Amino acid sequence: MSKMARRRARELALQGVYQWLLSGNSMLTVQKHVESETEDLDKVDRELFISLLRGTLENVESLQASFSPLISRPVNELSPIEHAILLLGAHELRNNLETPYRVVINEAIELAKGFGGTDGHRFVNGVLDKLAANIRADEVEAARAGRKS
């Protein structure tokens, strides 16, 4: 699958998580709604979309617990879009280890720039950067050591 197909999968997963946060509908209802509203579904990495959406929604509490100590306000005060992006980013950092942490963070930043508020991408970057250092300490250390040499 192309880079664009993976980006579209993340965008659709974001729409689904956002919808779920606002509506409280079931995961399957949200998935079907997002898919029915998407014109170019054949251009989406559907496997990634489903794994991101379901993996995130099945683990909301533990994902929130992983990033809530890293933010300066209660989770329920986050904008729904930033909340959804952090949930997705936390899920991907924790479960999609084949995707380099920098790619996960960059994709989250792009989502925040495209869908979030003015400085939302800076906030998302800061939180996910700290989270990556917690979840993927070895990978982050190796990358930082590589930059220094």
C-alpha atoms as a PDB file:
ATOM      1  CA  MET A   1       0.000   0.000   0.000  1.00  0.00           C
ATOM      2  CA  SER A   2       1.133   3.497  -0.787  1.00  0.00           C
ATOM      3  CA  LYS A   3       1.971   6.224   1.683  1.00  0.00           C
ATOM      4  CA  MET A   4      -1.203   8.019   0.549  1.00  0.00           C
ATOM      5  CA  ALA A   5      -3.347   4.930   1.270  1.00  0.00           C
ATOM      6  CA  ARG A   6      -1.928   4.790   4.811  1.00  0.00           C
ATOM      7  CA  ARG A   7      -2.490   8.530   5.323  1.00  0.00           C
ATOM      8  CA  ARG A   8      -6.118   8.147   4.170  1.00  0.00           C
ATOM      9  CA  ALA A   9      -6.503   5.213   6.577  1.00  0.00           C
ATOM     10  CA  ARG A  10      -5.324   7.431   9.434  1.00  0.00           C
ATOM     11  CA  GLU A  11      -7.678  10.236   8.347  1.00  0.00           C
ATOM     12  CA  LEU A  12     -10.638   7.844   8.299  1.00  0.00           C
ATOM     13  CA  ALA A  13      -9.637   6.346  11.658  1.00  0.00           C
ATOM     14  CA  LEU A  14      -9.462   9.900  13.030  1.00  0.00           C
ATOM     15  CA  GLN A  15     -12.959  10.616  11.689  1.00  0.00           C
ATOM     16  CA  GLY A  16     -14.189   7.427  13.332  1.00  0.00           C
ATOM     17  CA  VAL A  17     -12.609   8.110  16.724  1.00  0.00           C
ATOM     18  CA  TYR A  18     -13.843  11.723  16.594  1.00  0.00           C
ATOM     19  CA  GLN A  19     -17.351  10.521  15.724  1.00  0.00           C
ATOM     20  CA  TRP A  20     -17.246   7.966  18.535  1.00  0.00           C
ATOM     21  CA  LEU A  21     -16.134  10.606  21.062  1.00  0.00           C
ATOM     22  CA  LEU A  22     -19.031  12.875  20.095  1.00  0.00           C
ATOM     23  CA  SER A  23     -21.766  10.300  19.498  1.00  0.00           C
ATOM     24  CA  GLY A  24     -20.928   7.390  21.778  1.00  0.00           C
ATOM     25  CA  ASN A  25     -22.143   5.056  19.001  1.00  0.00           C
ATOM     26  CA  SER A  26     -20.794   1.519  18.832  1.00  0.00           C
ATOM     27  CA  MET A  27     -17.490   0.836  17.119  1.00  0.00           C
ATOM     28  CA  LEU A  28     -19.210  -1.088  14.311  1.00  0.00           C
ATOM     29  CA  THR A  29     -21.779   1.675  13.739  1.00  0.00           C
ATOM     30  CA  VAL A  30     -18.988   4.253  13.516  1.00  0.00           C
ATOM     31  CA  GLN A  31     -16.901   2.057  11.173  1.00  0.00           C
ATOM     32  CA  LYS A  32     -19.866   1.450   8.833  1.00  0.00           C
ATOM     33  CA  HIS A  33     -20.764   5.144   8.826  1.00  0.00           C
ATOM     34  CA  VAL A  34     -17.211   6.260   7.979  1.00  0.00           C
ATOM     35  CA  GLU A  35     -16.948   3.653   5.222  1.00  0.00           C
ATOM     36  CA  SER A  36     -20.347   4.591   3.751  1.00  0.00           C
ATOM     37  CA  GLU A  37     -19.367   8.288   3.690  1.00  0.00           C
ATOM     38  CA  THR A  38     -16.020   7.633   1.964  1.00  0.00           C
ATOM     39  CA  GLU A  39     -16.047   7.893  -1.815  1.00  0.00           C
ATOM     40  CA  ASP A  40     -12.557   6.539  -2.523  1.00  0.00           C
ATOM     41  CA  LEU A  41     -12.544   3.590  -0.128  1.00  0.00           C
ATOM     42  CA  ASP A  42     -10.575   1.540  -2.669  1.00  0.00           C
ATOM     43  CA  LYS A  43      -7.694   4.033  -2.258  1.00  0.00           C
ATOM     44  CA  VAL A  44      -7.504   3.450   1.512  1.00  0.00           C
ATOM     45  CA  ASP A  45      -5.377   0.906   3.361  1.00  0.00           C
ATOM     46  CA  ARG A  46      -8.553  -0.632   4.796  1.00  0.00           C
ATOM     47  CA  GLU A  47      -6.672  -3.093   6.998  1.00  0.00           C
ATOM     48  CA  LEU A  48      -4.787  -0.221   8.669  1.00  0.00           C
ATOM     49  CA  PHE A  49      -7.992   1.825   8.997  1.00  0.00           C
ATOM     50  CA  ILE A  50      -9.836  -1.009  10.754  1.00  0.00           C
ATOM     51  CA  SER A  51      -6.911  -1.930  13.010  1.00  0.00           C
ATOM     52  CA  LEU A  52      -6.402   1.721  14.046  1.00  0.00           C
ATOM     53  CA  LEU A  53     -10.097   2.376  14.641  1.00  0.00           C
ATOM     54  CA  ARG A  54     -10.853  -0.845  16.506  1.00  0.00           C
ATOM     55  CA  GLY A  55      -7.551  -0.962  18.391  1.00  0.00           C
ATOM     56  CA  THR A  56      -8.022   2.609  19.563  1.00  0.00           C
ATOM     57  CA  LEU A  57     -11.670   2.297  20.561  1.00  0.00           C
ATOM     58  CA  GLU A  58     -11.105  -1.011  22.366  1.00  0.00           C
ATOM     59  CA  ASN A  59      -8.390   0.576  24.546  1.00  0.00           C
ATOM     60  CA  VAL A  60      -9.522   4.161  25.143  1.00  0.00           C
ATOM     61  CA  GLU A  61      -9.060   4.065  28.926  1.00  0.00           C
ATOM     62  CA  SER A  62      -5.523   2.644  28.907  1.00  0.00           C
ATOM     63  CA  LEU A  63      -4.497   4.930  26.019  1.00  0.00           C
ATOM     64  CA  GLN A  64      -5.796   7.988  27.911  1.00  0.00           C
ATOM     65  CA  ALA A  65      -3.997   6.794  31.026  1.00  0.00           C
ATOM     66  CA  SER A  66      -0.738   6.678  29.042  1.00  0.00           C
ATOM     67  CA  PHE A  67      -0.892  10.320  27.916  1.00  0.00           C
ATOM     68  CA  SER A  68      -2.963  12.067  30.607  1.00  0.00           C
ATOM     69  CA  PRO A  69       0.079  12.577  32.906  1.00  0.00           C
ATOM     70  CA  LEU A  70       1.797  14.355  29.981  1.00  0.00           C
ATOM     71  CA  ILE A  71      -0.875  17.025  29.484  1.00  0.00           C
ATOM     72  CA  SER A  72      -1.520  20.089  31.601  1.00  0.00           C
ATOM     73  CA  ARG A  73      -5.310  19.796  31.650  1.00  0.00           C
ATOM     74  CA  PRO A  74      -7.881  17.056  32.199  1.00  0.00           C
ATOM     75  CA  VAL A  75      -8.524  14.793  29.182  1.00  0.00           C
ATOM     76  CA  ASN A  76     -12.171  15.922  29.061  1.00  0.00           C
ATOM     77  CA  GLU A  77     -10.971  19.506  28.409  1.00  0.00           C
ATOM     78  CA  LEU A  78      -9.095  18.525  25.239  1.00  0.00           C
ATOM     79  CA  SER A  79     -10.735  19.479  21.964  1.00  0.00           C
ATOM     80  CA  PRO A  80     -12.377  16.360  20.505  1.00  0.00           C
ATOM     81  CA  ILE A  81     -10.015  16.443  17.515  1.00  0.00           C
ATOM     82  CA  GLU A  82      -6.842  16.663  19.655  1.00  0.00           C
ATOM     83  CA  HIS A  83      -8.257  13.966  21.944  1.00  0.00           C
ATOM     84  CA  ALA A  84      -8.901  11.693  18.938  1.00  0.00           C
ATOM     85  CA  ILE A  85      -5.430  12.341  17.463  1.00  0.00           C
ATOM     86  CA  LEU A  86      -3.717  11.596  20.796  1.00  0.00           C
ATOM     87  CA  LEU A  87      -5.714   8.378  21.182  1.00  0.00           C
ATOM     88  CA  LEU A  88      -4.753   7.254  17.673  1.00  0.00           C
ATOM     89  CA  GLY A  89      -1.109   8.280  18.106  1.00  0.00           C
ATOM     90  CA  ALA A  90      -0.855   6.537  21.469  1.00  0.00           C
ATOM     91  CA  HIS A  91      -2.395   3.383  19.995  1.00  0.00           C
ATOM     92  CA  GLU A  92      -0.010   3.397  17.048  1.00  0.00           C
ATOM     93  CA  LEU A  93       3.054   4.029  19.222  1.00  0.00           C
ATOM     94  CA  ARG A  94       2.078   1.165  21.484  1.00  0.00           C
ATOM     95  CA  ASN A  95       0.924  -1.399  18.916  1.00  0.00           C
ATOM     96  CA  ASN A  96       2.341  -0.641  15.462  1.00  0.00           C
ATOM     97  CA  LEU A  97       5.993  -1.155  16.314  1.00  0.00           C
ATOM     98  CA  GLU A  98       6.898  -1.684  12.648  1.00  0.00           C
ATOM     99  CA  THR A  99       6.067   2.004  12.064  1.00  0.00           C
ATOM    100  CA  PRO A 100       8.962   4.203  13.268  1.00  0.00           C
ATOM    101  CA  TYR A 101       7.921   6.479  16.128  1.00  0.00           C
ATOM    102  CA  ARG A 102       8.878   9.574  14.114  1.00  0.00           C
ATOM    103  CA  VAL A 103       6.461   8.518  11.354  1.00  0.00           C
ATOM    104  CA  VAL A 104       3.670   8.048  13.911  1.00  0.00           C
ATOM    105  CA  ILE A 105       4.335  11.519  15.343  1.00  0.00           C
ATOM    106  CA  ASN A 106       4.659  13.174  11.913  1.00  0.00           C
ATOM    107  CA  GLU A 107       1.397  11.616  10.750  1.00  0.00           C
ATOM    108  CA  ALA A 108      -0.331  12.833  13.932  1.00  0.00           C
ATOM    109  CA  ILE A 109       1.070  16.348  13.353  1.00  0.00           C
ATOM    110  CA  GLU A 110      -0.263  16.314   9.777  1.00  0.00           C
ATOM    111  CA  LEU A 111      -3.704  15.246  11.040  1.00  0.00           C
ATOM    112  CA  ALA A 112      -3.638  18.050  13.619  1.00  0.00           C
ATOM    113  CA  LYS A 113      -2.620  20.605  10.971  1.00  0.00           C
ATOM    114  CA  GLY A 114      -5.369  19.393   8.640  1.00  0.00           C
ATOM    115  CA  PHE A 115      -8.208  19.024  11.114  1.00  0.00           C
ATOM    116  CA  GLY A 116      -7.240  20.698  14.403  1.00  0.00           C
ATOM    117  CA  GLY A 117      -6.991  24.203  15.797  1.00  0.00           C
ATOM    118  CA  THR A 118      -4.236  26.723  15.103  1.00  0.00           C
ATOM    119  CA  ASP A 119      -1.557  25.408  17.467  1.00  0.00           C
ATOM    120  CA  GLY A 120      -2.987  21.930  17.935  1.00  0.00           C
ATOM    121  CA  HIS A 121      -0.126  20.342  16.005  1.00  0.00           C
ATOM    122  CA  ARG A 122       2.442  21.763  18.465  1.00  0.00           C
ATOM    123  CA  PHE A 123       0.494  20.348  21.395  1.00  0.00           C
ATOM    124  CA  VAL A 124       0.121  16.931  19.721  1.00  0.00           C
ATOM    125  CA  ASN A 125       3.837  16.899  18.856  1.00  0.00           C
ATOM    126  CA  GLY A 126       4.868  17.685  22.436  1.00  0.00           C
ATOM    127  CA  VAL A 127       2.615  15.061  24.007  1.00  0.00           C
ATOM    128  CA  LEU A 128       3.434  12.266  21.552  1.00  0.00           C
ATOM    129  CA  ASP A 129       7.158  13.054  21.726  1.00  0.00           C
ATOM    130  CA  LYS A 130       7.082  12.521  25.515  1.00  0.00           C
ATOM    131  CA  LEU A 131       4.886   9.450  25.120  1.00  0.00           C
ATOM    132  CA  ALA A 132       7.269   7.919  22.572  1.00  0.00           C
ATOM    133  CA  ALA A 133      10.137   8.404  25.032  1.00  0.00           C
ATOM    134  CA  ASN A 134       8.084   6.382  27.562  1.00  0.00           C
ATOM    135  CA  ILE A 135       6.689   3.665  25.288  1.00  0.00           C
ATOM    136  CA  ARG A 136       9.584   3.255  22.856  1.00  0.00           C
ATOM    137  CA  ALA A 137      12.519   4.336  24.979  1.00  0.00           C
ATOM    138  CA  ASP A 138      15.092   2.188  23.122  1.00  0.00           C
ATOM    139  CA  GLU A 139      14.041   3.436  19.682  1.00  0.00           C
ATOM    140  CA  VAL A 140      13.956   7.087  20.817  1.00  0.00           C
ATOM    141  CA  GLU A 141      17.368   6.792  22.538  1.00  0.00           C
ATOM    142  CA  ALA A 142      18.897   5.177  19.444  1.00  0.00           C
ATOM    143  CA  ALA A 143      17.538   7.965  17.242  1.00  0.00           C
ATOM    144  CA  ARG A 144      18.832  10.659  19.580  1.00  0.00           C
ATOM    145  CA  ALA A 145      22.229   8.978  19.853  1.00  0.00           C
ATOM    146  CA  GLY A 146      22.355   8.780  16.052  1.00  0.00           C
ATOM    147  CA  ARG A 147      21.748  12.523  15.762  1.00  0.00           C
ATOM    148  CA  LYS A 148      24.583  13.308  18.178  1.00  0.00           C
ATOM    149  CA  SER A 149      27.276  11.318  16.377  1.00  0.00           C
END
